[in-house]
Amino acid sequence: MSSSTTQNLIESAIAQLQQLPPQQQQQVLDYIEFLAQKYIQPQPPQPRVPGLHRGMGWISDDFNDPILPEYWSDTKSGW
């Protein structure tokens, strides 16, 4: 669409919008905002930054220890 066609379309829409009561003008604005959100262009994902969170995670010392059988039983308190 050429810029002159777009400008004519905008001017025509504004002229018609000005003739509507305030409540309908608000509805038109709400619809325009809806369309703007619906057809928003997705942003490309940001590249990962190696080492960004270095040192922020930890693993407990007993991570590789076997799980006790009591963990799997139905008799645990609180369950």
N, C-alpha and C. Protein backbone atom coordinates (compact mmCIF):
# COMPACT_ATOMS: atom_id res chain seq x y z
N MET A 1 0.85 -1.16 0.00
CA MET A 1 0.00 0.00 0.00
C MET A 1 0.90 1.23 0.00
N SER A 2 0.64 2.15 -0.86
CA SER A 2 1.47 3.35 -0.96
C SER A 2 1.20 4.28 0.22
N SER A 3 2.12 5.19 0.47
CA SER A 3 1.97 6.10 1.60
C SER A 3 0.79 7.05 1.41
N SER A 4 0.52 7.45 0.16
CA SER A 4 -0.63 8.33 -0.07
C SER A 4 -1.94 7.58 0.16
N THR A 5 -2.00 6.32 -0.23
CA THR A 5 -3.20 5.52 0.03
C THR A 5 -3.39 5.33 1.53
N THR A 6 -2.29 5.06 2.23
CA THR A 6 -2.36 4.89 3.68
C THR A 6 -2.83 6.18 4.34
N GLN A 7 -2.30 7.31 3.89
CA GLN A 7 -2.69 8.61 4.46
C GLN A 7 -4.18 8.88 4.22
N ASN A 8 -4.66 8.57 3.02
CA ASN A 8 -6.09 8.76 2.72
C ASN A 8 -6.96 7.86 3.60
N LEU A 9 -6.51 6.65 3.82
CA LEU A 9 -7.24 5.71 4.65
C LEU A 9 -7.31 6.22 6.09
N ILE A 10 -6.19 6.72 6.59
CA ILE A 10 -6.15 7.26 7.96
C ILE A 10 -7.07 8.46 8.09
N GLU A 11 -7.00 9.37 7.13
CA GLU A 11 -7.86 10.56 7.17
C GLU A 11 -9.33 10.19 7.11
N SER A 12 -9.68 9.23 6.29
CA SER A 12 -11.07 8.78 6.20
C SER A 12 -11.52 8.15 7.51
N ALA A 13 -10.65 7.33 8.11
CA ALA A 13 -11.00 6.68 9.38
C ALA A 13 -11.18 7.72 10.48
N ILE A 14 -10.31 8.71 10.52
CA ILE A 14 -10.43 9.77 11.54
C ILE A 14 -11.73 10.55 11.35
N ALA A 15 -12.05 10.88 10.12
CA ALA A 15 -13.28 11.63 9.85
C ALA A 15 -14.51 10.85 10.32
N GLN A 16 -14.54 9.57 10.05
CA GLN A 16 -15.68 8.75 10.47
C GLN A 16 -15.68 8.56 11.99
N LEU A 17 -14.49 8.41 12.57
CA LEU A 17 -14.37 8.23 14.01
C LEU A 17 -14.89 9.46 14.76
N GLN A 18 -14.62 10.64 14.23
CA GLN A 18 -15.07 11.87 14.87
C GLN A 18 -16.59 12.00 14.88
N GLN A 19 -17.27 11.33 14.01
CA GLN A 19 -18.73 11.39 13.94
C GLN A 19 -19.40 10.45 14.95
N LEU A 20 -18.63 9.54 15.52
CA LEU A 20 -19.20 8.58 16.47
C LEU A 20 -19.28 9.18 17.86
N PRO A 21 -20.23 8.70 18.67
CA PRO A 21 -20.29 9.11 20.08
C PRO A 21 -19.05 8.59 20.83
N PRO A 22 -18.71 9.20 21.96
CA PRO A 22 -17.50 8.81 22.70
C PRO A 22 -17.42 7.32 23.04
N GLN A 23 -18.54 6.71 23.38
CA GLN A 23 -18.53 5.28 23.74
C GLN A 23 -18.08 4.43 22.55
N GLN A 24 -18.58 4.72 21.36
CA GLN A 24 -18.19 3.97 20.17
C GLN A 24 -16.75 4.31 19.77
N GLN A 25 -16.32 5.54 20.00
CA GLN A 25 -14.92 5.89 19.74
C GLN A 25 -14.00 5.04 20.61
N GLN A 26 -14.40 4.84 21.87
CA GLN A 26 -13.59 4.00 22.77
C GLN A 26 -13.57 2.56 22.28
N GLN A 27 -14.70 2.07 21.77
CA GLN A 27 -14.74 0.70 21.24
C GLN A 27 -13.81 0.55 20.05
N VAL A 28 -13.78 1.56 19.19
CA VAL A 28 -12.87 1.52 18.05
C VAL A 28 -11.42 1.48 18.53
N LEU A 29 -11.10 2.32 19.50
CA LEU A 29 -9.75 2.33 20.05
C LEU A 29 -9.39 0.99 20.67
N ASP A 30 -10.32 0.40 21.42
CA ASP A 30 -10.08 -0.93 22.00
C ASP A 30 -9.80 -1.96 20.92
N TYR A 31 -10.55 -1.90 19.83
CA TYR A 31 -10.37 -2.85 18.74
C TYR A 31 -9.01 -2.65 18.06
N ILE A 32 -8.61 -1.41 17.88
CA ILE A 32 -7.30 -1.13 17.28
C ILE A 32 -6.19 -1.69 18.17
N GLU A 33 -6.32 -1.50 19.50
CA GLU A 33 -5.32 -2.04 20.42
C GLU A 33 -5.30 -3.57 20.37
N PHE A 34 -6.48 -4.18 20.25
CA PHE A 34 -6.56 -5.64 20.12
C PHE A 34 -5.81 -6.11 18.88
N LEU A 35 -6.07 -5.46 17.75
CA LEU A 35 -5.40 -5.84 16.51
C LEU A 35 -3.90 -5.64 16.59
N ALA A 36 -3.47 -4.57 17.23
CA ALA A 36 -2.04 -4.31 17.37
C ALA A 36 -1.37 -5.43 18.17
N GLN A 37 -2.04 -5.93 19.21
CA GLN A 37 -1.49 -7.03 20.00
C GLN A 37 -1.55 -8.35 19.25
N LYS A 38 -2.62 -8.57 18.51
CA LYS A 38 -2.80 -9.84 17.80
C LYS A 38 -1.76 -10.02 16.71
N TYR A 39 -1.43 -8.95 16.02
CA TYR A 39 -0.53 -9.06 14.88
C TYR A 39 0.85 -8.50 15.17
N ILE A 40 1.23 -8.49 16.43
CA ILE A 40 2.55 -8.00 16.79
C ILE A 40 3.61 -8.95 16.22
N GLN A 41 4.68 -8.37 15.73
CA GLN A 41 5.75 -9.17 15.15
C GLN A 41 6.57 -9.81 16.26
N PRO A 42 6.74 -11.14 16.21
CA PRO A 42 7.54 -11.78 17.26
C PRO A 42 9.00 -11.36 17.15
N GLN A 43 9.59 -11.15 18.29
CA GLN A 43 11.00 -10.77 18.34
C GLN A 43 11.85 -12.03 18.26
N PRO A 44 12.95 -11.98 17.53
CA PRO A 44 13.82 -13.15 17.49
C PRO A 44 14.40 -13.41 18.88
N PRO A 45 14.60 -14.67 19.21
CA PRO A 45 15.14 -14.96 20.55
C PRO A 45 16.55 -14.39 20.70
N GLN A 46 16.84 -13.94 21.89
CA GLN A 46 18.16 -13.40 22.18
C GLN A 46 19.16 -14.56 22.29
N PRO A 47 20.37 -14.36 21.80
CA PRO A 47 21.35 -15.44 21.91
C PRO A 47 21.71 -15.70 23.38
N ARG A 48 22.03 -16.93 23.66
CA ARG A 48 22.43 -17.30 25.01
C ARG A 48 23.80 -16.71 25.32
N VAL A 49 24.01 -16.40 26.58
CA VAL A 49 25.28 -15.85 27.01
C VAL A 49 25.95 -16.89 27.90
N PRO A 50 27.01 -17.54 27.39
CA PRO A 50 27.68 -18.56 28.21
C PRO A 50 28.23 -17.95 29.50
N GLY A 51 28.01 -18.67 30.60
CA GLY A 51 28.56 -18.23 31.88
C GLY A 51 27.79 -17.12 32.56
N LEU A 52 26.64 -16.76 32.05
CA LEU A 52 25.88 -15.65 32.61
C LEU A 52 25.52 -15.88 34.08
N HIS A 53 25.17 -17.11 34.43
CA HIS A 53 24.76 -17.42 35.81
C HIS A 53 25.76 -18.34 36.50
N ARG A 54 27.00 -18.24 36.12
CA ARG A 54 28.04 -19.09 36.70
C ARG A 54 28.07 -18.91 38.22
N GLY A 55 28.10 -20.06 38.93
CA GLY A 55 28.18 -20.04 40.39
C GLY A 55 26.86 -19.84 41.09
N MET A 56 25.76 -19.70 40.36
CA MET A 56 24.48 -19.44 41.00
C MET A 56 23.73 -20.73 41.36
N GLY A 57 24.09 -21.85 40.79
CA GLY A 57 23.43 -23.11 41.09
C GLY A 57 24.32 -23.98 41.96
N TRP A 58 23.74 -24.99 42.59
CA TRP A 58 24.52 -25.90 43.41
C TRP A 58 23.83 -27.25 43.45
N ILE A 59 24.58 -28.26 43.76
CA ILE A 59 24.06 -29.61 43.93
C ILE A 59 24.47 -30.07 45.32
N SER A 60 23.52 -30.62 46.07
CA SER A 60 23.82 -31.05 47.43
C SER A 60 24.81 -32.20 47.41
N ASP A 61 25.52 -32.35 48.52
CA ASP A 61 26.55 -33.38 48.63
C ASP A 61 25.98 -34.79 48.51
N ASP A 62 24.72 -34.99 48.88
CA ASP A 62 24.12 -36.33 48.84
C ASP A 62 23.31 -36.56 47.55
N PHE A 63 23.55 -35.80 46.52
CA PHE A 63 22.78 -35.89 45.29
C PHE A 63 22.80 -37.31 44.69
N ASN A 64 23.95 -37.94 44.69
CA ASN A 64 24.07 -39.27 44.07
C ASN A 64 23.84 -40.42 45.04
N ASP A 65 23.52 -40.14 46.29
CA ASP A 65 23.25 -41.20 47.25
C ASP A 65 21.96 -41.91 46.88
N PRO A 66 21.86 -43.21 47.22
CA PRO A 66 20.62 -43.94 46.93
C PRO A 66 19.45 -43.34 47.71
N ILE A 67 18.28 -43.45 47.14
CA ILE A 67 17.07 -42.97 47.81
C ILE A 67 16.60 -44.03 48.79
N LEU A 68 16.32 -43.62 50.00
CA LEU A 68 15.90 -44.56 51.03
C LEU A 68 14.54 -45.15 50.69
N PRO A 69 14.32 -46.42 51.03
CA PRO A 69 13.03 -47.07 50.73
C PRO A 69 11.84 -46.36 51.37
N GLU A 70 12.06 -45.71 52.50
CA GLU A 70 10.96 -45.00 53.16
C GLU A 70 10.38 -43.90 52.27
N TYR A 71 11.20 -43.39 51.39
CA TYR A 71 10.73 -42.33 50.49
C TYR A 71 9.60 -42.84 49.60
N TRP A 72 9.69 -44.10 49.20
CA TRP A 72 8.71 -44.66 48.26
C TRP A 72 7.50 -45.25 48.95
N SER A 73 7.51 -45.38 50.28
CA SER A 73 6.38 -46.02 50.97
C SER A 73 5.24 -45.02 51.14
N ASP A 74 4.05 -45.58 51.33
CA ASP A 74 2.86 -44.76 51.52
C ASP A 74 2.68 -44.35 52.98
N THR A 75 3.59 -44.75 53.83
CA THR A 75 3.41 -44.51 55.27
C THR A 75 4.13 -43.24 55.73
N LYS A 76 4.63 -42.46 54.80
CA LYS A 76 5.31 -41.22 55.19
C LYS A 76 4.33 -40.30 55.88
N SER A 77 4.78 -39.64 56.91
CA SER A 77 3.90 -38.70 57.59
C SER A 77 3.70 -37.46 56.73
N GLY A 78 2.50 -36.93 56.78
CA GLY A 78 2.19 -35.74 56.01
C GLY A 78 1.68 -36.00 54.62
N TRP A 79 1.62 -37.26 54.20
CA TRP A 79 1.11 -37.56 52.84
C TRP A 79 -0.22 -38.13 52.91
